[in-house]
Amino acid sequence: MDNGIRLEQTALIGSVISALCCLGFAPFLSILSAIGAGFLINDFILLPLLILFLIIGGLGLKRSSQKYKNNKPLYLHILASLIILIFTYAKYIPVLSWLGIAGLIVASFWSIKLLRAK
């Protein structure tokens, strides 16, 4: 499996988990508390983790986009990342934050589809 895809998948999982915590997704927060990882619920820890995973995902998409010569999934990832950060931390609008999470997922699957079609 390509390193770009691995980066994308790792970052996608980390970004979605961080975003779910930031949005206060109750079932996920309960699981974290039950396994003793309740300290992750703090935004002081979550924001840097979220930013780190979003950057890693962008790097993975950039690497993949160089192989299939299409930057559109990378642009979608950047837009989705900005939506998540803005509407989770600057102006809290959960529906738009969820839209950003959906954008991350679509960008990753789009990239994988393009790589497989190559």
PDB file of N, CA and C in Angstrom:
ATOM      1  N   MET A   1       0.845  -1.184   0.000  1.00  0.00           N
ATOM      2  CA  MET A   1       0.000   0.000   0.000  1.00  0.00           C
ATOM      3  C   MET A   1       0.884   1.240   0.000  1.00  0.00           C
ATOM      4  N   ASP A   2       0.502   2.240  -0.724  1.00  0.00           N
ATOM      5  CA  ASP A   2       1.258   3.471  -0.882  1.00  0.00           C
ATOM      6  C   ASP A   2       1.357   4.249   0.433  1.00  0.00           C
ATOM      7  N   ASN A   3       2.514   4.865   0.676  1.00  0.00           N
ATOM      8  CA  ASN A   3       2.699   5.663   1.895  1.00  0.00           C
ATOM      9  C   ASN A   3       1.734   6.838   1.971  1.00  0.00           C
ATOM     10  N   GLY A   4       1.402   7.426   0.806  1.00  0.00           N
ATOM     11  CA  GLY A   4       0.445   8.529   0.787  1.00  0.00           C
ATOM     12  C   GLY A   4      -0.918   8.097   1.293  1.00  0.00           C
ATOM     13  N   ILE A   5      -1.337   6.897   0.870  1.00  0.00           N
ATOM     14  CA  ILE A   5      -2.640   6.385   1.313  1.00  0.00           C
ATOM     15  C   ILE A   5      -2.598   6.092   2.810  1.00  0.00           C
ATOM     16  N   ARG A   6      -1.498   5.540   3.291  1.00  0.00           N
ATOM     17  CA  ARG A   6      -1.377   5.278   4.730  1.00  0.00           C
ATOM     18  C   ARG A   6      -1.463   6.568   5.524  1.00  0.00           C
ATOM     19  N   LEU A   7      -0.767   7.594   5.058  1.00  0.00           N
ATOM     20  CA  LEU A   7      -0.850   8.894   5.739  1.00  0.00           C
ATOM     21  C   LEU A   7      -2.278   9.407   5.750  1.00  0.00           C
ATOM     22  N   GLU A   8      -2.943   9.319   4.596  1.00  0.00           N
ATOM     23  CA  GLU A   8      -4.326   9.781   4.498  1.00  0.00           C
ATOM     24  C   GLU A   8      -5.232   9.033   5.458  1.00  0.00           C
ATOM     25  N   GLN A   9      -5.104   7.711   5.483  1.00  0.00           N
ATOM     26  CA  GLN A   9      -5.981   6.906   6.329  1.00  0.00           C
ATOM     27  C   GLN A   9      -5.732   7.190   7.804  1.00  0.00           C
ATOM     28  N   THR A  10      -4.472   7.263   8.198  1.00  0.00           N
ATOM     29  CA  THR A  10      -4.137   7.564   9.595  1.00  0.00           C
ATOM     30  C   THR A  10      -4.664   8.937   9.984  1.00  0.00           C
ATOM     31  N   ALA A  11      -4.427   9.897   9.116  1.00  0.00           N
ATOM     32  CA  ALA A  11      -4.874  11.257   9.408  1.00  0.00           C
ATOM     33  C   ALA A  11      -6.387  11.372   9.417  1.00  0.00           C
ATOM     34  N   LEU A  12      -7.048  10.655   8.514  1.00  0.00           N
ATOM     35  CA  LEU A  12      -8.513  10.688   8.480  1.00  0.00           C
ATOM     36  C   LEU A  12      -9.078  10.155   9.785  1.00  0.00           C
ATOM     37  N   ILE A  13      -8.559   9.026  10.232  1.00  0.00           N
ATOM     38  CA  ILE A  13      -9.039   8.439  11.485  1.00  0.00           C
ATOM     39  C   ILE A  13      -8.781   9.388  12.655  1.00  0.00           C
ATOM     40  N   GLY A  14      -7.570   9.916  12.730  1.00  0.00           N
ATOM     41  CA  GLY A  14      -7.232  10.841  13.818  1.00  0.00           C
ATOM     42  C   GLY A  14      -8.056  12.111  13.774  1.00  0.00           C
ATOM     43  N   SER A  15      -8.261  12.663  12.574  1.00  0.00           N
ATOM     44  CA  SER A  15      -9.050  13.893  12.440  1.00  0.00           C
ATOM     45  C   SER A  15     -10.500  13.681  12.845  1.00  0.00           C
ATOM     46  N   VAL A  16     -11.078  12.572  12.400  1.00  0.00           N
ATOM     47  CA  VAL A  16     -12.481  12.288  12.735  1.00  0.00           C
ATOM     48  C   VAL A  16     -12.625  12.069  14.237  1.00  0.00           C
ATOM     49  N   ILE A  17     -11.704  11.322  14.834  1.00  0.00           N
ATOM     50  CA  ILE A  17     -11.763  11.097  16.281  1.00  0.00           C
ATOM     51  C   ILE A  17     -11.633  12.413  17.035  1.00  0.00           C
ATOM     52  N   SER A  18     -10.669  13.246  16.644  1.00  0.00           N
ATOM     53  CA  SER A  18     -10.488  14.541  17.306  1.00  0.00           C
ATOM     54  C   SER A  18     -11.716  15.420  17.140  1.00  0.00           C
ATOM     55  N   ALA A  19     -12.262  15.438  15.924  1.00  0.00           N
ATOM     56  CA  ALA A  19     -13.439  16.266  15.678  1.00  0.00           C
ATOM     57  C   ALA A  19     -14.648  15.768  16.467  1.00  0.00           C
ATOM     58  N   LEU A  20     -14.815  14.451  16.569  1.00  0.00           N
ATOM     59  CA  LEU A  20     -15.925  13.910  17.356  1.00  0.00           C
ATOM     60  C   LEU A  20     -15.812  14.343  18.816  1.00  0.00           C
ATOM     61  N   CYS A  21     -14.606  14.328  19.326  1.00  0.00           N
ATOM     62  CA  CYS A  21     -14.399  14.789  20.710  1.00  0.00           C
ATOM     63  C   CYS A  21     -14.723  16.272  20.832  1.00  0.00           C
ATOM     64  N   CYS A  22     -14.232  17.061  19.880  1.00  0.00           N
ATOM     65  CA  CYS A  22     -14.462  18.507  19.917  1.00  0.00           C
ATOM     66  C   CYS A  22     -15.950  18.835  19.855  1.00  0.00           C
ATOM     67  N   LEU A  23     -16.689  18.047  19.082  1.00  0.00           N
ATOM     68  CA  LEU A  23     -18.123  18.287  18.928  1.00  0.00           C
ATOM     69  C   LEU A  23     -18.940  17.702  20.071  1.00  0.00           C
ATOM     70  N   GLY A  24     -18.283  16.984  20.973  1.00  0.00           N
ATOM     71  CA  GLY A  24     -18.985  16.421  22.122  1.00  0.00           C
ATOM     72  C   GLY A  24     -19.884  15.258  21.764  1.00  0.00           C
ATOM     73  N   PHE A  25     -19.473  14.427  20.810  1.00  0.00           N
ATOM     74  CA  PHE A  25     -20.250  13.260  20.397  1.00  0.00           C
ATOM     75  C   PHE A  25     -20.315  12.285  21.567  1.00  0.00           C
ATOM     76  N   ALA A  26     -21.474  12.232  22.225  1.00  0.00           N
ATOM     77  CA  ALA A  26     -21.635  11.534  23.503  1.00  0.00           C
ATOM     78  C   ALA A  26     -21.199  10.066  23.508  1.00  0.00           C
ATOM     79  N   PRO A  27     -21.587   9.257  22.525  1.00  0.00           N
ATOM     80  CA  PRO A  27     -21.153   7.854  22.591  1.00  0.00           C
ATOM     81  C   PRO A  27     -19.629   7.713  22.582  1.00  0.00           C
ATOM     82  N   PHE A  28     -18.969   8.515  21.781  1.00  0.00           N
ATOM     83  CA  PHE A  28     -17.515   8.434  21.714  1.00  0.00           C
ATOM     84  C   PHE A  28     -16.874   8.931  23.011  1.00  0.00           C
ATOM     85  N   LEU A  29     -17.409  10.004  23.573  1.00  0.00           N
ATOM     86  CA  LEU A  29     -16.880  10.525  24.831  1.00  0.00           C
ATOM     87  C   LEU A  29     -17.051   9.510  25.960  1.00  0.00           C
ATOM     88  N   SER A  30     -18.151   8.782  25.945  1.00  0.00           N
ATOM     89  CA  SER A  30     -18.387   7.750  26.958  1.00  0.00           C
ATOM     90  C   SER A  30     -17.350   6.632  26.856  1.00  0.00           C
ATOM     91  N   ILE A  31     -17.041   6.238  25.625  1.00  0.00           N
ATOM     92  CA  ILE A  31     -16.033   5.195  25.422  1.00  0.00           C
ATOM     93  C   ILE A  31     -14.676   5.661  25.931  1.00  0.00           C
ATOM     94  N   LEU A  32     -14.304   6.894  25.611  1.00  0.00           N
ATOM     95  CA  LEU A  32     -13.024   7.426  26.085  1.00  0.00           C
ATOM     96  C   LEU A  32     -12.951   7.429  27.606  1.00  0.00           C
ATOM     97  N   SER A  33     -14.021   7.862  28.237  1.00  0.00           N
ATOM     98  CA  SER A  33     -14.049   7.889  29.697  1.00  0.00           C
ATOM     99  C   SER A  33     -13.962   6.479  30.271  1.00  0.00           C
ATOM    100  N   ALA A  34     -14.647   5.541  29.645  1.00  0.00           N
ATOM    101  CA  ALA A  34     -14.660   4.164  30.144  1.00  0.00           C
ATOM    102  C   ALA A  34     -13.288   3.497  30.062  1.00  0.00           C
ATOM    103  N   ILE A  35     -12.493   3.849  29.056  1.00  0.00           N
ATOM    104  CA  ILE A  35     -11.173   3.230  28.924  1.00  0.00           C
ATOM    105  C   ILE A  35     -10.068   4.038  29.605  1.00  0.00           C
ATOM    106  N   GLY A  36     -10.468   5.082  30.325  1.00  0.00           N
ATOM    107  CA  GLY A  36      -9.491   5.870  31.075  1.00  0.00           C
ATOM    108  C   GLY A  36      -8.781   6.931  30.262  1.00  0.00           C
ATOM    109  N   ALA A  37      -9.339   7.278  29.116  1.00  0.00           N
ATOM    110  CA  ALA A  37      -8.724   8.309  28.272  1.00  0.00           C
ATOM    111  C   ALA A  37      -9.545   9.594  28.299  1.00  0.00           C
ATOM    112  N   GLY A  38     -10.211   9.843  29.408  1.00  0.00           N
ATOM    113  CA  GLY A  38     -11.046  11.041  29.537  1.00  0.00           C
ATOM    114  C   GLY A  38     -10.274  12.339  29.429  1.00  0.00           C
ATOM    115  N   PHE A  39      -8.963  12.294  29.663  1.00  0.00           N
ATOM    116  CA  PHE A  39      -8.143  13.504  29.553  1.00  0.00           C
ATOM    117  C   PHE A  39      -8.138  14.055  28.123  1.00  0.00           C
ATOM    118  N   LEU A  40      -8.458  13.212  27.144  1.00  0.00           N
ATOM    119  CA  LEU A  40      -8.485  13.654  25.750  1.00  0.00           C
ATOM    120  C   LEU A  40      -9.669  14.569  25.443  1.00  0.00           C
ATOM    121  N   ILE A  41     -10.607  14.637  26.339  1.00  0.00           N
ATOM    122  CA  ILE A  41     -11.806  15.442  26.109  1.00  0.00           C
ATOM    123  C   ILE A  41     -11.506  16.938  26.230  1.00  0.00           C
ATOM    124  N   ASN A  42     -10.386  17.301  26.761  1.00  0.00           N
ATOM    125  CA  ASN A  42      -9.990  18.693  26.952  1.00  0.00           C
ATOM    126  C   ASN A  42      -9.606  19.327  25.609  1.00  0.00           C
ATOM    127  N   ASP A  43     -10.223  20.469  25.278  1.00  0.00           N
ATOM    128  CA  ASP A  43      -9.921  21.161  24.024  1.00  0.00           C
ATOM    129  C   ASP A  43      -8.463  21.602  23.949  1.00  0.00           C
ATOM    130  N   PHE A  44      -7.828  21.813  25.081  1.00  0.00           N
ATOM    131  CA  PHE A  44      -6.422  22.197  25.120  1.00  0.00           C
ATOM    132  C   PHE A  44      -5.554  21.098  24.487  1.00  0.00           C
ATOM    133  N   ILE A  45      -5.985  19.860  24.601  1.00  0.00           N
ATOM    134  CA  ILE A  45      -5.281  18.723  23.996  1.00  0.00           C
ATOM    135  C   ILE A  45      -5.827  18.435  22.597  1.00  0.00           C
ATOM    136  N   LEU A  46      -7.130  18.562  22.425  1.00  0.00           N
ATOM    137  CA  LEU A  46      -7.762  18.183  21.161  1.00  0.00           C
ATOM    138  C   LEU A  46      -7.408  19.096  19.992  1.00  0.00           C
ATOM    139  N   LEU A  47      -7.353  20.400  20.215  1.00  0.00           N
ATOM    140  CA  LEU A  47      -7.085  21.316  19.109  1.00  0.00           C
ATOM    141  C   LEU A  47      -5.734  21.039  18.460  1.00  0.00           C
ATOM    142  N   PRO A  48      -4.633  20.932  19.231  1.00  0.00           N
ATOM    143  CA  PRO A  48      -3.358  20.614  18.576  1.00  0.00           C
ATOM    144  C   PRO A  48      -3.376  19.249  17.879  1.00  0.00           C
ATOM    145  N   LEU A  49      -4.038  18.252  18.475  1.00  0.00           N
ATOM    146  CA  LEU A  49      -4.138  16.937  17.836  1.00  0.00           C
ATOM    147  C   LEU A  49      -4.899  17.024  16.516  1.00  0.00           C
ATOM    148  N   LEU A  50      -6.007  17.748  16.537  1.00  0.00           N
ATOM    149  CA  LEU A  50      -6.805  17.910  15.329  1.00  0.00           C
ATOM    150  C   LEU A  50      -5.989  18.584  14.238  1.00  0.00           C
ATOM    151  N   ILE A  51      -5.310  19.664  14.574  1.00  0.00           N
ATOM    152  CA  ILE A  51      -4.487  20.376  13.590  1.00  0.00           C
ATOM    153  C   ILE A  51      -3.396  19.463  13.049  1.00  0.00           C
ATOM    154  N   LEU A  52      -2.746  18.702  13.927  1.00  0.00           N
ATOM    155  CA  LEU A  52      -1.688  17.789  13.505  1.00  0.00           C
ATOM    156  C   LEU A  52      -2.228  16.752  12.515  1.00  0.00           C
ATOM    157  N   PHE A  53      -3.354  16.131  12.841  1.00  0.00           N
ATOM    158  CA  PHE A  53      -3.917  15.120  11.948  1.00  0.00           C
ATOM    159  C   PHE A  53      -4.396  15.725  10.629  1.00  0.00           C
ATOM    160  N   LEU A  54      -4.923  16.939  10.658  1.00  0.00           N
ATOM    161  CA  LEU A  54      -5.345  17.585   9.413  1.00  0.00           C
ATOM    162  C   LEU A  54      -4.140  17.871   8.518  1.00  0.00           C
ATOM    163  N   ILE A  55      -3.037  18.287   9.112  1.00  0.00           N
ATOM    164  CA  ILE A  55      -1.817  18.544   8.339  1.00  0.00           C
ATOM    165  C   ILE A  55      -1.274  17.246   7.763  1.00  0.00           C
ATOM    166  N   ILE A  56      -1.228  16.199   8.568  1.00  0.00           N
ATOM    167  CA  ILE A  56      -0.742  14.902   8.080  1.00  0.00           C
ATOM    168  C   ILE A  56      -1.610  14.412   6.922  1.00  0.00           C
ATOM    169  N   GLY A  57      -2.911  14.571   7.045  1.00  0.00           N
ATOM    170  CA  GLY A  57      -3.816  14.180   5.957  1.00  0.00           C
ATOM    171  C   GLY A  57      -3.559  14.976   4.692  1.00  0.00           C
ATOM    172  N   GLY A  58      -3.325  16.267   4.849  1.00  0.00           N
ATOM    173  CA  GLY A  58      -3.002  17.106   3.690  1.00  0.00           C
ATOM    174  C   GLY A  58      -1.715  16.672   3.018  1.00  0.00           C
ATOM    175  N   LEU A  59      -0.711  16.316   3.828  1.00  0.00           N
ATOM    176  CA  LEU A  59       0.561  15.843   3.261  1.00  0.00           C
ATOM    177  C   LEU A  59       0.367  14.529   2.504  1.00  0.00           C
ATOM    178  N   GLY A  60      -0.432  13.636   3.059  1.00  0.00           N
ATOM    179  CA  GLY A  60      -0.729  12.378   2.374  1.00  0.00           C
ATOM    180  C   GLY A  60      -1.457  12.608   1.057  1.00  0.00           C
ATOM    181  N   LEU A  61      -2.422  13.520   1.067  1.00  0.00           N
ATOM    182  CA  LEU A  61      -3.150  13.824  -0.168  1.00  0.00           C
ATOM    183  C   LEU A  61      -2.246  14.496  -1.193  1.00  0.00           C
ATOM    184  N   LYS A  62      -1.348  15.342  -0.718  1.00  0.00           N
ATOM    185  CA  LYS A  62      -0.406  15.994  -1.642  1.00  0.00           C
ATOM    186  C   LYS A  62       0.476  14.950  -2.310  1.00  0.00           C
ATOM    187  N   ARG A  63       0.974  14.021  -1.520  1.00  0.00           N
ATOM    188  CA  ARG A  63       1.816  12.952  -2.067  1.00  0.00           C
ATOM    189  C   ARG A  63       1.034  12.111  -3.077  1.00  0.00           C
ATOM    190  N   SER A  64      -0.198  11.775  -2.740  1.00  0.00           N
ATOM    191  CA  SER A  64      -1.022  10.975  -3.653  1.00  0.00           C
ATOM    192  C   SER A  64      -1.372  11.754  -4.912  1.00  0.00           C
ATOM    193  N   SER A  65      -1.660  13.039  -4.761  1.00  0.00           N
ATOM    194  CA  SER A  65      -2.072  13.837  -5.919  1.00  0.00           C
ATOM    195  C   SER A  65      -0.951  13.986  -6.937  1.00  0.00           C
ATOM    196  N   GLN A  66       0.278  13.882  -6.494  1.00  0.00           N
ATOM    197  CA  GLN A  66       1.401  13.946  -7.430  1.00  0.00           C
ATOM    198  C   GLN A  66       1.427  12.703  -8.317  1.00  0.00           C
ATOM    199  N   LYS A  67       0.895  11.600  -7.834  1.00  0.00           N
ATOM    200  CA  LYS A  67       0.872  10.362  -8.623  1.00  0.00           C
ATOM    201  C   LYS A  67      -0.235  10.370  -9.667  1.00  0.00           C
ATOM    202  N   TYR A  68      -1.405  10.902  -9.313  1.00  0.00           N
ATOM    203  CA  TYR A  68      -2.511  10.868 -10.266  1.00  0.00           C
ATOM    204  C   TYR A  68      -2.807  12.227 -10.884  1.00  0.00           C
ATOM    205  N   LYS A  69      -1.974  13.207 -10.620  1.00  0.00           N
ATOM    206  CA  LYS A  69      -2.026  14.528 -11.279  1.00  0.00           C
ATOM    207  C   LYS A  69      -3.387  15.208 -11.170  1.00  0.00           C
ATOM    208  N   ASN A  70      -3.980  15.140  -9.958  1.00  0.00           N
ATOM    209  CA  ASN A  70      -5.267  15.794  -9.726  1.00  0.00           C
ATOM    210  C   ASN A  70      -5.262  16.321  -8.287  1.00  0.00           C
ATOM    211  N   ASN A  71      -5.317  17.630  -8.148  1.00  0.00           N
ATOM    212  CA  ASN A  71      -5.257  18.252  -6.820  1.00  0.00           C
ATOM    213  C   ASN A  71      -6.629  18.465  -6.184  1.00  0.00           C
ATOM    214  N   LYS A  72      -7.695  18.107  -6.855  1.00  0.00           N
ATOM    215  CA  LYS A  72      -9.033  18.399  -6.331  1.00  0.00           C
ATOM    216  C   LYS A  72      -9.309  17.751  -4.966  1.00  0.00           C
ATOM    217  N   PRO A  73      -8.920  16.476  -4.729  1.00  0.00           N
ATOM    218  CA  PRO A  73      -9.132  15.925  -3.387  1.00  0.00           C
ATOM    219  C   PRO A  73      -8.347  16.694  -2.313  1.00  0.00           C
ATOM    220  N   LEU A  74      -7.152  17.162  -2.656  1.00  0.00           N
ATOM    221  CA  LEU A  74      -6.366  17.964  -1.710  1.00  0.00           C
ATOM    222  C   LEU A  74      -7.077  19.278  -1.405  1.00  0.00           C
ATOM    223  N   TYR A  75      -7.615  19.918  -2.432  1.00  0.00           N
ATOM    224  CA  TYR A  75      -8.342  21.174  -2.216  1.00  0.00           C
ATOM    225  C   TYR A  75      -9.582  20.958  -1.353  1.00  0.00           C
ATOM    226  N   LEU A  76     -10.276  19.840  -1.579  1.00  0.00           N
ATOM    227  CA  LEU A  76     -11.443  19.523  -0.756  1.00  0.00           C
ATOM    228  C   LEU A  76     -11.021  19.303   0.697  1.00  0.00           C
ATOM    229  N   HIS A  77      -9.895  18.622   0.896  1.00  0.00           N
ATOM    230  CA  HIS A  77      -9.379  18.392   2.245  1.00  0.00           C
ATOM    231  C   HIS A  77      -9.067  19.720   2.937  1.00  0.00           C
ATOM    232  N   ILE A  78      -8.431  20.630   2.229  1.00  0.00           N
ATOM    233  CA  ILE A  78      -8.086  21.932   2.810  1.00  0.00           C
ATOM    234  C   ILE A  78      -9.354  22.704   3.172  1.00  0.00           C
ATOM    235  N   LEU A  79     -10.328  22.715   2.272  1.00  0.00           N
ATOM    236  CA  LEU A  79     -11.597  23.403   2.548  1.00  0.00           C
ATOM    237  C   LEU A  79     -12.314  22.773   3.737  1.00  0.00           C
ATOM    238  N   ALA A  80     -12.378  21.444   3.771  1.00  0.00           N
ATOM    239  CA  ALA A  80     -13.040  20.739   4.875  1.00  0.00           C
ATOM    240  C   ALA A  80     -12.320  21.009   6.197  1.00  0.00           C
ATOM    241  N   SER A  81     -11.002  21.049   6.159  1.00  0.00           N
ATOM    242  CA  SER A  81     -10.215  21.331   7.366  1.00  0.00           C
ATOM    243  C   SER A  81     -10.529  22.721   7.909  1.00  0.00           C
ATOM    244  N   LEU A  82     -10.584  23.690   7.011  1.00  0.00           N
ATOM    245  CA  LEU A  82     -10.907  25.060   7.434  1.00  0.00           C
ATOM    246  C   LEU A  82     -12.322  25.138   8.011  1.00  0.00           C
ATOM    247  N   ILE A  83     -13.254  24.447   7.371  1.00  0.00           N
ATOM    248  CA  ILE A  83     -14.638  24.429   7.865  1.00  0.00           C
ATOM    249  C   ILE A  83     -14.679  23.848   9.277  1.00  0.00           C
ATOM    250  N   ILE A  84     -13.982  22.731   9.483  1.00  0.00           N
ATOM    251  CA  ILE A  84     -13.972  22.104  10.814  1.00  0.00           C
ATOM    252  C   ILE A  84     -13.386  23.051  11.847  1.00  0.00           C
ATOM    253  N   LEU A  85     -12.249  23.636  11.552  1.00  0.00           N
ATOM    254  CA  LEU A  85     -11.589  24.512  12.528  1.00  0.00           C
ATOM    255  C   LEU A  85     -12.418  25.760  12.827  1.00  0.00           C
ATOM    256  N   ILE A  86     -12.956  26.377  11.781  1.00  0.00           N
ATOM    257  CA  ILE A  86     -13.717  27.612  11.972  1.00  0.00           C
ATOM    258  C   ILE A  86     -15.019  27.344  12.727  1.00  0.00           C
ATOM    259  N   PHE A  87     -15.760  26.319  12.289  1.00  0.00           N
ATOM    260  CA  PHE A  87     -17.094  26.113  12.850  1.00  0.00           C
ATOM    261  C   PHE A  87     -17.117  25.205  14.076  1.00  0.00           C
ATOM    262  N   THR A  88     -15.935  24.797  14.531  1.00  0.00           N
ATOM    263  CA  THR A  88     -15.849  24.093  15.802  1.00  0.00           C
ATOM    264  C   THR A  88     -15.251  24.992  16.870  1.00  0.00           C
ATOM    265  N   TYR A  89     -14.299  25.838  16.487  1.00  0.00           N
ATOM    266  CA  TYR A  89     -13.596  26.650  17.484  1.00  0.00           C
ATOM    267  C   TYR A  89     -13.898  28.140  17.400  1.00  0.00           C
ATOM    268  N   ALA A  90     -13.970  28.734  16.209  1.00  0.00           N
ATOM    269  CA  ALA A  90     -14.186  30.179  16.112  1.00  0.00           C
ATOM    270  C   ALA A  90     -15.664  30.543  16.283  1.00  0.00           C
ATOM    271  N   LYS A  91     -16.512  29.912  15.525  1.00  0.00           N
ATOM    272  CA  LYS A  91     -17.966  30.141  15.597  1.00  0.00           C
ATOM    273  C   LYS A  91     -18.623  28.781  15.563  1.00  0.00           C
ATOM    274  N   TYR A  92     -19.068  28.332  16.708  1.00  0.00           N
ATOM    275  CA  TYR A  92     -19.558  26.963  16.857  1.00  0.00           C
ATOM    276  C   TYR A  92     -20.894  26.766  16.154  1.00  0.00           C
ATOM    277  N   ILE A  93     -20.848  26.038  15.028  1.00  0.00           N
ATOM    278  CA  ILE A  93     -22.047  25.640  14.295  1.00  0.00           C
ATOM    279  C   ILE A  93     -21.879  24.158  13.966  1.00  0.00           C
ATOM    280  N   PRO A  94     -22.445  23.279  14.803  1.00  0.00           N
ATOM    281  CA  PRO A  94     -22.216  21.843  14.657  1.00  0.00           C
ATOM    282  C   PRO A  94     -22.522  21.273  13.276  1.00  0.00           C
ATOM    283  N   VAL A  95     -23.597  21.722  12.637  1.00  0.00           N
ATOM    284  CA  VAL A  95     -23.972  21.179  11.332  1.00  0.00           C
ATOM    285  C   VAL A  95     -22.846  21.408  10.320  1.00  0.00           C
ATOM    286  N   LEU A  96     -22.247  22.580  10.361  1.00  0.00           N
ATOM    287  CA  LEU A  96     -21.156  22.867   9.432  1.00  0.00           C
ATOM    288  C   LEU A  96     -19.894  22.088   9.797  1.00  0.00           C
ATOM    289  N   SER A  97     -19.674  21.867  11.082  1.00  0.00           N
ATOM    290  CA  SER A  97     -18.539  21.037  11.499  1.00  0.00           C
ATOM    291  C   SER A  97     -18.696  19.612  10.973  1.00  0.00           C
ATOM    292  N   TRP A  98     -19.908  19.077  11.073  1.00  0.00           N
ATOM    293  CA  TRP A  98     -20.174  17.735  10.544  1.00  0.00           C
ATOM    294  C   TRP A  98     -19.999  17.704   9.029  1.00  0.00           C
ATOM    295  N   LEU A  99     -20.366  18.787   8.364  1.00  0.00           N
ATOM    296  CA  LEU A  99     -20.158  18.888   6.922  1.00  0.00           C
ATOM    297  C   LEU A  99     -18.660  18.832   6.604  1.00  0.00           C
ATOM    298  N   GLY A 100     -17.849  19.478   7.427  1.00  0.00           N
ATOM    299  CA  GLY A 100     -16.401  19.427   7.249  1.00  0.00           C
ATOM    300  C   GLY A 100     -15.867  18.013   7.419  1.00  0.00           C
ATOM    301  N   ILE A 101     -16.370  17.290   8.412  1.00  0.00           N
ATOM    302  CA  ILE A 101     -15.952  15.897   8.615  1.00  0.00           C
ATOM    303  C   ILE A 101     -16.321  15.065   7.390  1.00  0.00           C
ATOM    304  N   ALA A 102     -17.514  15.271   6.867  1.00  0.00           N
ATOM    305  CA  ALA A 102     -17.926  14.550   5.655  1.00  0.00           C
ATOM    306  C   ALA A 102     -16.994  14.886   4.496  1.00  0.00           C
ATOM    307  N   GLY A 103     -16.583  16.137   4.397  1.00  0.00           N
ATOM    308  CA  GLY A 103     -15.652  16.549   3.343  1.00  0.00           C
ATOM    309  C   GLY A 103     -14.317  15.839   3.448  1.00  0.00           C
ATOM    310  N   LEU A 104     -13.813  15.657   4.677  1.00  0.00           N
ATOM    311  CA  LEU A 104     -12.555  14.915   4.861  1.00  0.00           C
ATOM    312  C   LEU A 104     -12.689  13.482   4.366  1.00  0.00           C
ATOM    313  N   ILE A 105     -13.805  12.861   4.712  1.00  0.00           N
ATOM    314  CA  ILE A 105     -14.027  11.468   4.321  1.00  0.00           C
ATOM    315  C   ILE A 105     -14.138  11.358   2.805  1.00  0.00           C
ATOM    316  N   VAL A 106     -14.887  12.263   2.182  1.00  0.00           N
ATOM    317  CA  VAL A 106     -15.044  12.243   0.726  1.00  0.00           C
ATOM    318  C   VAL A 106     -13.695  12.458   0.044  1.00  0.00           C
ATOM    319  N   ALA A 107     -12.894  13.407   0.532  1.00  0.00           N
ATOM    320  CA  ALA A 107     -11.582  13.677  -0.071  1.00  0.00           C
ATOM    321  C   ALA A 107     -10.685  12.449  -0.016  1.00  0.00           C
ATOM    322  N   SER A 108     -10.691  11.751   1.098  1.00  0.00           N
ATOM    323  CA  SER A 108      -9.853  10.560   1.236  1.00  0.00           C
ATOM    324  C   SER A 108     -10.297   9.441   0.296  1.00  0.00           C
ATOM    325  N   PHE A 109     -11.598   9.171   0.253  1.00  0.00           N
ATOM    326  CA  PHE A 109     -12.080   8.115  -0.627  1.00  0.00           C
ATOM    327  C   PHE A 109     -11.908   8.480  -2.103  1.00  0.00           C
ATOM    328  N   TRP A 110     -12.065   9.756  -2.429  1.00  0.00           N
ATOM    329  CA  TRP A 110     -11.876  10.232  -3.791  1.00  0.00           C
ATOM    330  C   TRP A 110     -10.418   9.990  -4.215  1.00  0.00           C
ATOM    331  N   SER A 111      -9.496  10.313  -3.325  1.00  0.00           N
ATOM    332  CA  SER A 111      -8.084  10.119  -3.607  1.00  0.00           C
ATOM    333  C   SER A 111      -7.759   8.638  -3.816  1.00  0.00           C
ATOM    334  N   ILE A 112      -8.285   7.789  -2.964  1.00  0.00           N
ATOM    335  CA  ILE A 112      -8.045   6.347  -3.096  1.00  0.00           C
ATOM    336  C   ILE A 112      -8.610   5.836  -4.421  1.00  0.00           C
ATOM    337  N   LYS A 113      -9.788   6.317  -4.791  1.00  0.00           N
ATOM    338  CA  LYS A 113     -10.396   5.908  -6.056  1.00  0.00           C
ATOM    339  C   LYS A 113      -9.515   6.335  -7.232  1.00  0.00           C
ATOM    340  N   LEU A 114      -8.995   7.557  -7.185  1.00  0.00           N
ATOM    341  CA  LEU A 114      -8.121   8.031  -8.264  1.00  0.00           C
ATOM    342  C   LEU A 114      -6.839   7.221  -8.353  1.00  0.00           C
ATOM    343  N   LEU A 115      -6.289   6.849  -7.199  1.00  0.00           N
ATOM    344  CA  LEU A 115      -5.064   6.041  -7.209  1.00  0.00           C
ATOM    345  C   LEU A 115      -5.322   4.655  -7.791  1.00  0.00           C
ATOM    346  N   ARG A 116      -6.441   4.087  -7.468  1.00  0.00           N
ATOM    347  CA  ARG A 116      -6.757   2.742  -7.977  1.00  0.00           C
ATOM    348  C   ARG A 116      -7.060   2.771  -9.476  1.00  0.00           C
ATOM    349  N   ALA A 117      -7.605   3.876  -9.951  1.00  0.00           N
ATOM    350  CA  ALA A 117      -7.945   3.992 -11.369  1.00  0.00           C
ATOM    351  C   ALA A 117      -6.697   4.216 -12.224  1.00  0.00           C
ATOM    352  N   LYS A 118      -5.638   4.642 -11.604  1.00  0.00           N
ATOM    353  CA  LYS A 118      -4.393   4.941 -12.338  1.00  0.00           C
ATOM    354  C   LYS A 118      -3.732   3.738 -12.877  1.00  0.00           C
TER     355      LYS A 118
END
